[in-house]
Amino acid sequence: LGDVYKRQVDHQSDISGFFKMSLSAPTRRSAHMEREMEMLPSPGHLSGSRNLPIREEKECVEMKPVEDIQSESKKSDSNSDNELQSIVKGVTISGFWKRDQSLLDVLKLGSDHLNKIKTALGQQSSEEVRMTILILLYLQKNLQESRPKWQLIYKKAEKWLESQNVSLATLKDQLNTIL
């Protein structure tokens, strides 16, 4: 026990010696730096130099405070996150969406969008097919920044549409005008 105590005391004296040395070091450096600074030419001397480029006046642009930009970004991020969450909650295990008015409300879509898809596909298409196509179009058009989050659901829905004999790729030109 005595050896342990002695090592601790020696260690503490080593540390206090380090602090004393480090506190005195900046004083020596600052005196050295002052001598260096005295040797440098004055700023007034440099302003008349022909070797320095002349700074041109530039037009000032009014900028928004960073806080405003961040809050706008957070609002749009939270909206797209809410929309994406609603879409993910609504998808079935098979990869299609059933008609859900609350989902349509969150996405700010209506029955008129579904009717346009019905017209493009023909009367024999099911409501699940129309709703799935509408959601996939919405993802492509409005949530591109979140693509990595919804990409797997999108692929599964495409496979489900193919199982229903509907090819999203062949209908793309007709459906682009819907949203």
C-alpha atoms as a PDB file:
ATOM      1  CA  LEU A   1       0.000   0.000   0.000  1.00  0.00           C
ATOM      2  CA  GLY A   2       2.871   2.354   0.774  1.00  0.00           C
ATOM      3  CA  ASP A   3       4.337   1.860  -2.738  1.00  0.00           C
ATOM      4  CA  VAL A   4       0.992   2.609  -4.365  1.00  0.00           C
ATOM      5  CA  TYR A   5       0.618   5.804  -2.323  1.00  0.00           C
ATOM      6  CA  LYS A   6       4.187   6.889  -3.181  1.00  0.00           C
ATOM      7  CA  ARG A   7       3.539   6.302  -6.946  1.00  0.00           C
ATOM      8  CA  GLN A   8       0.392   8.415  -6.772  1.00  0.00           C
ATOM      9  CA  VAL A   9       2.261  11.278  -5.054  1.00  0.00           C
ATOM     10  CA  ASP A  10       5.078  11.058  -7.615  1.00  0.00           C
ATOM     11  CA  HIS A  11       2.523  11.021 -10.458  1.00  0.00           C
ATOM     12  CA  GLN A  12       0.753  14.083  -9.031  1.00  0.00           C
ATOM     13  CA  SER A  13       4.020  16.005  -8.729  1.00  0.00           C
ATOM     14  CA  ASP A  14       4.840  15.103 -12.338  1.00  0.00           C
ATOM     15  CA  ILE A  15       1.467  16.466 -13.436  1.00  0.00           C
ATOM     16  CA  SER A  16       1.806  19.686 -11.424  1.00  0.00           C
ATOM     17  CA  GLY A  17       5.274  20.193 -12.902  1.00  0.00           C
ATOM     18  CA  PHE A  18       3.804  19.796 -16.381  1.00  0.00           C
ATOM     19  CA  PHE A  19       1.176  22.452 -15.669  1.00  0.00           C
ATOM     20  CA  LYS A  20       3.775  24.876 -14.335  1.00  0.00           C
ATOM     21  CA  MET A  21       5.872  24.389 -17.457  1.00  0.00           C
ATOM     22  CA  SER A  22       2.933  24.766 -19.844  1.00  0.00           C
ATOM     23  CA  LEU A  23       1.748  27.939 -18.124  1.00  0.00           C
ATOM     24  CA  SER A  24       5.125  29.581 -18.519  1.00  0.00           C
ATOM     25  CA  ALA A  25       5.597  28.547 -22.159  1.00  0.00           C
ATOM     26  CA  PRO A  26       3.132  31.018 -23.742  1.00  0.00           C
ATOM     27  CA  THR A  27       4.889  33.932 -22.053  1.00  0.00           C
ATOM     28  CA  ARG A  28       8.161  33.032 -23.716  1.00  0.00           C
ATOM     29  CA  ARG A  29       6.432  32.492 -27.055  1.00  0.00           C
ATOM     30  CA  SER A  30       4.584  35.791 -26.950  1.00  0.00           C
ATOM     31  CA  ALA A  31       7.826  37.741 -26.397  1.00  0.00           C
ATOM     32  CA  HIS A  32       9.365  35.920 -29.354  1.00  0.00           C
ATOM     33  CA  MET A  33       6.284  36.633 -31.455  1.00  0.00           C
ATOM     34  CA  GLU A  34       6.409  40.336 -30.576  1.00  0.00           C
ATOM     35  CA  ARG A  35       9.976  40.550 -31.912  1.00  0.00           C
ATOM     36  CA  GLU A  36       8.859  38.799 -35.107  1.00  0.00           C
ATOM     37  CA  MET A  37       5.918  41.174 -35.498  1.00  0.00           C
ATOM     38  CA  GLU A  38       8.171  44.226 -35.154  1.00  0.00           C
ATOM     39  CA  MET A  39      10.203  43.025 -38.115  1.00  0.00           C
ATOM     40  CA  LEU A  40       7.158  42.756 -40.426  1.00  0.00           C
ATOM     41  CA  PRO A  41       6.268  45.757 -42.597  1.00  0.00           C
ATOM     42  CA  SER A  42       3.298  47.812 -41.452  1.00  0.00           C
ATOM     43  CA  PRO A  43      -0.101  47.353 -43.149  1.00  0.00           C
ATOM     44  CA  GLY A  44       0.088  50.891 -44.551  1.00  0.00           C
ATOM     45  CA  HIS A  45       3.369  50.020 -46.260  1.00  0.00           C
ATOM     46  CA  LEU A  46       1.776  47.034 -48.026  1.00  0.00           C
ATOM     47  CA  SER A  47      -1.263  48.931 -49.317  1.00  0.00           C
ATOM     48  CA  GLY A  48       0.850  50.937 -51.742  1.00  0.00           C
ATOM     49  CA  SER A  49       2.563  47.888 -53.170  1.00  0.00           C
ATOM     50  CA  ARG A  50       2.202  47.361 -56.907  1.00  0.00           C
ATOM     51  CA  ASN A  51       2.391  43.573 -56.583  1.00  0.00           C
ATOM     52  CA  LEU A  52      -0.860  43.202 -54.648  1.00  0.00           C
ATOM     53  CA  PRO A  53      -4.127  42.783 -56.588  1.00  0.00           C
ATOM     54  CA  ILE A  54      -6.761  45.453 -56.170  1.00  0.00           C
ATOM     55  CA  ARG A  55      -9.994  44.162 -54.671  1.00  0.00           C
ATOM     56  CA  GLU A  56     -13.053  45.049 -56.693  1.00  0.00           C
ATOM     57  CA  GLU A  57     -16.307  46.133 -55.103  1.00  0.00           C
ATOM     58  CA  LYS A  58     -18.929  43.416 -55.475  1.00  0.00           C
ATOM     59  CA  GLU A  59     -22.675  43.718 -55.400  1.00  0.00           C
ATOM     60  CA  CYS A  60     -24.210  42.763 -52.054  1.00  0.00           C
ATOM     61  CA  VAL A  61     -26.985  40.206 -52.037  1.00  0.00           C
ATOM     62  CA  GLU A  62     -29.538  40.069 -49.265  1.00  0.00           C
ATOM     63  CA  MET A  63     -29.455  36.668 -47.611  1.00  0.00           C
ATOM     64  CA  LYS A  64     -31.889  34.935 -45.288  1.00  0.00           C
ATOM     65  CA  PRO A  65     -30.727  34.073 -41.793  1.00  0.00           C
ATOM     66  CA  VAL A  66     -29.557  30.475 -41.452  1.00  0.00           C
ATOM     67  CA  GLU A  67     -32.304  29.761 -38.908  1.00  0.00           C
ATOM     68  CA  ASP A  68     -35.018  30.666 -41.478  1.00  0.00           C
ATOM     69  CA  ILE A  69     -33.481  28.408 -44.110  1.00  0.00           C
ATOM     70  CA  GLN A  70     -33.139  25.533 -41.637  1.00  0.00           C
ATOM     71  CA  SER A  71     -36.725  25.874 -40.420  1.00  0.00           C
ATOM     72  CA  GLU A  72     -38.046  25.914 -44.020  1.00  0.00           C
ATOM     73  CA  SER A  73     -35.989  22.816 -44.780  1.00  0.00           C
ATOM     74  CA  LYS A  74     -37.245  21.043 -41.651  1.00  0.00           C
ATOM     75  CA  LYS A  75     -40.877  21.864 -42.548  1.00  0.00           C
ATOM     76  CA  SER A  76     -40.537  20.417 -46.050  1.00  0.00           C
ATOM     77  CA  ASP A  77     -38.633  17.402 -44.704  1.00  0.00           C
ATOM     78  CA  SER A  78     -41.300  16.721 -42.090  1.00  0.00           C
ATOM     79  CA  ASN A  79     -44.074  17.021 -44.716  1.00  0.00           C
ATOM     80  CA  SER A  80     -42.358  14.554 -47.022  1.00  0.00           C
ATOM     81  CA  ASP A  81     -41.625  12.249 -44.057  1.00  0.00           C
ATOM     82  CA  ASN A  82     -45.313  12.327 -43.050  1.00  0.00           C
ATOM     83  CA  GLU A  83     -46.378  11.602 -46.614  1.00  0.00           C
ATOM     84  CA  LEU A  84     -43.899   8.747 -46.907  1.00  0.00           C
ATOM     85  CA  GLN A  85     -44.988   7.279 -43.580  1.00  0.00           C
ATOM     86  CA  SER A  86     -48.614   7.347 -44.692  1.00  0.00           C
ATOM     87  CA  ILE A  87     -47.714   5.638 -47.956  1.00  0.00           C
ATOM     88  CA  VAL A  88     -45.682   2.936 -46.216  1.00  0.00           C
ATOM     89  CA  LYS A  89     -48.459   2.302 -43.676  1.00  0.00           C
ATOM     90  CA  GLY A  90     -50.985   1.858 -46.462  1.00  0.00           C
ATOM     91  CA  VAL A  91     -49.147  -0.710 -48.577  1.00  0.00           C
ATOM     92  CA  THR A  92     -50.236  -4.321 -48.271  1.00  0.00           C
ATOM     93  CA  ILE A  93     -47.865  -7.250 -47.911  1.00  0.00           C
ATOM     94  CA  SER A  94     -48.453  -8.137 -51.560  1.00  0.00           C
ATOM     95  CA  GLY A  95     -47.283  -4.689 -52.684  1.00  0.00           C
ATOM     96  CA  PHE A  96     -50.488  -2.830 -53.574  1.00  0.00           C
ATOM     97  CA  TRP A  97     -52.586  -0.090 -51.983  1.00  0.00           C
ATOM     98  CA  LYS A  98     -56.306  -0.242 -51.280  1.00  0.00           C
ATOM     99  CA  ARG A  99     -58.350   2.897 -51.697  1.00  0.00           C
ATOM    100  CA  ASP A 100     -57.915   4.932 -48.521  1.00  0.00           C
ATOM    101  CA  GLN A 101     -59.412   8.409 -48.329  1.00  0.00           C
ATOM    102  CA  SER A 102     -57.164   9.446 -45.418  1.00  0.00           C
ATOM    103  CA  LEU A 103     -54.088   8.555 -47.500  1.00  0.00           C
ATOM    104  CA  LEU A 104     -55.457  10.524 -50.446  1.00  0.00           C
ATOM    105  CA  ASP A 105     -56.061  13.484 -48.115  1.00  0.00           C
ATOM    106  CA  VAL A 106     -52.495  13.404 -46.752  1.00  0.00           C
ATOM    107  CA  LEU A 107     -51.136  13.333 -50.310  1.00  0.00           C
ATOM    108  CA  LYS A 108     -53.621  16.043 -51.380  1.00  0.00           C
ATOM    109  CA  LEU A 109     -55.029  13.806 -54.098  1.00  0.00           C
ATOM    110  CA  GLY A 110     -58.638  13.151 -54.942  1.00  0.00           C
ATOM    111  CA  SER A 111     -61.024  10.860 -56.752  1.00  0.00           C
ATOM    112  CA  ASP A 112     -60.476  12.832 -59.952  1.00  0.00           C
ATOM    113  CA  HIS A 113     -56.895  11.499 -60.073  1.00  0.00           C
ATOM    114  CA  LEU A 114     -58.159   7.932 -59.743  1.00  0.00           C
ATOM    115  CA  ASN A 115     -60.768   8.562 -62.452  1.00  0.00           C
ATOM    116  CA  LYS A 116     -58.069   9.798 -64.847  1.00  0.00           C
ATOM    117  CA  ILE A 117     -56.126   6.574 -64.262  1.00  0.00           C
ATOM    118  CA  LYS A 118     -59.336   4.581 -64.802  1.00  0.00           C
ATOM    119  CA  THR A 119     -59.796   6.330 -68.146  1.00  0.00           C
ATOM    120  CA  ALA A 120     -56.178   5.654 -69.157  1.00  0.00           C
ATOM    121  CA  LEU A 121     -56.365   1.948 -68.191  1.00  0.00           C
ATOM    122  CA  GLY A 122     -59.874   1.198 -69.266  1.00  0.00           C
ATOM    123  CA  GLN A 123     -62.954   0.335 -67.243  1.00  0.00           C
ATOM    124  CA  GLN A 124     -61.850  -3.213 -66.358  1.00  0.00           C
ATOM    125  CA  SER A 125     -59.021  -2.117 -64.007  1.00  0.00           C
ATOM    126  CA  SER A 126     -59.491  -2.719 -60.293  1.00  0.00           C
ATOM    127  CA  GLU A 127     -59.484   0.010 -57.690  1.00  0.00           C
ATOM    128  CA  GLU A 128     -56.308  -1.478 -56.146  1.00  0.00           C
ATOM    129  CA  VAL A 129     -54.504  -1.228 -59.483  1.00  0.00           C
ATOM    130  CA  ARG A 130     -55.548   2.421 -59.888  1.00  0.00           C
ATOM    131  CA  MET A 131     -54.584   3.326 -56.319  1.00  0.00           C
ATOM    132  CA  THR A 132     -51.213   1.565 -56.650  1.00  0.00           C
ATOM    133  CA  ILE A 133     -50.431   3.391 -59.892  1.00  0.00           C
ATOM    134  CA  LEU A 134     -51.422   6.705 -58.318  1.00  0.00           C
ATOM    135  CA  ILE A 135     -49.117   6.121 -55.321  1.00  0.00           C
ATOM    136  CA  LEU A 136     -46.206   5.091 -57.560  1.00  0.00           C
ATOM    137  CA  LEU A 137     -46.674   8.199 -59.687  1.00  0.00           C
ATOM    138  CA  TYR A 138     -46.768  10.307 -56.545  1.00  0.00           C
ATOM    139  CA  LEU A 139     -43.547   8.764 -55.240  1.00  0.00           C
ATOM    140  CA  GLN A 140     -41.757   9.412 -58.530  1.00  0.00           C
ATOM    141  CA  LYS A 141     -42.947  12.971 -58.881  1.00  0.00           C
ATOM    142  CA  ASN A 142     -43.025  14.331 -55.322  1.00  0.00           C
ATOM    143  CA  LEU A 143     -40.678  12.290 -53.128  1.00  0.00           C
ATOM    144  CA  GLN A 144     -37.534  11.867 -55.238  1.00  0.00           C
ATOM    145  CA  GLU A 145     -35.315  13.098 -52.392  1.00  0.00           C
ATOM    146  CA  SER A 146     -36.473  10.100 -50.320  1.00  0.00           C
ATOM    147  CA  ARG A 147     -36.018   7.571 -53.128  1.00  0.00           C
ATOM    148  CA  PRO A 148     -33.685   5.239 -51.163  1.00  0.00           C
ATOM    149  CA  LYS A 149     -36.384   4.904 -48.494  1.00  0.00           C
ATOM    150  CA  TRP A 150     -39.191   3.868 -50.854  1.00  0.00           C
ATOM    151  CA  GLN A 151     -37.333   2.129 -53.658  1.00  0.00           C
ATOM    152  CA  LEU A 152     -37.986  -1.441 -52.432  1.00  0.00           C
ATOM    153  CA  ILE A 153     -41.706  -0.818 -51.918  1.00  0.00           C
ATOM    154  CA  TYR A 154     -41.842   0.674 -55.407  1.00  0.00           C
ATOM    155  CA  LYS A 155     -40.229  -2.419 -56.963  1.00  0.00           C
ATOM    156  CA  LYS A 156     -42.585  -4.730 -55.099  1.00  0.00           C
ATOM    157  CA  ALA A 157     -45.578  -2.707 -56.309  1.00  0.00           C
ATOM    158  CA  GLU A 158     -44.296  -2.862 -59.895  1.00  0.00           C
ATOM    159  CA  LYS A 159     -44.083  -6.662 -59.631  1.00  0.00           C
ATOM    160  CA  TRP A 160     -47.604  -6.789 -58.241  1.00  0.00           C
ATOM    161  CA  LEU A 161     -48.844  -4.632 -61.140  1.00  0.00           C
ATOM    162  CA  GLU A 162     -47.147  -7.002 -63.593  1.00  0.00           C
ATOM    163  CA  SER A 163     -48.948  -9.917 -61.926  1.00  0.00           C
ATOM    164  CA  GLN A 164     -52.163  -8.004 -62.679  1.00  0.00           C
ATOM    165  CA  ASN A 165     -51.103  -7.673 -66.357  1.00  0.00           C
ATOM    166  CA  VAL A 166     -50.430  -3.936 -66.010  1.00  0.00           C
ATOM    167  CA  SER A 167     -47.094  -2.515 -67.130  1.00  0.00           C
ATOM    168  CA  LEU A 168     -46.270   0.848 -65.627  1.00  0.00           C
ATOM    169  CA  ALA A 169     -43.548   1.411 -68.229  1.00  0.00           C
ATOM    170  CA  THR A 170     -45.957   1.167 -71.184  1.00  0.00           C
ATOM    171  CA  LEU A 171     -48.467   3.515 -69.522  1.00  0.00           C
ATOM    172  CA  LYS A 172     -45.878   6.096 -68.456  1.00  0.00           C
ATOM    173  CA  ASP A 173     -46.604   8.614 -71.231  1.00  0.00           C
ATOM    174  CA  GLN A 174     -50.362   8.498 -70.627  1.00  0.00           C
ATOM    175  CA  LEU A 175     -49.992   8.748 -66.850  1.00  0.00           C
ATOM    176  CA  ASN A 176     -47.459  11.588 -66.637  1.00  0.00           C
ATOM    177  CA  THR A 177     -50.213  14.170 -67.081  1.00  0.00           C
ATOM    178  CA  ILE A 178     -52.272  12.877 -64.145  1.00  0.00           C
ATOM    179  CA  LEU A 179     -50.311  14.551 -61.335  1.00  0.00           C
END
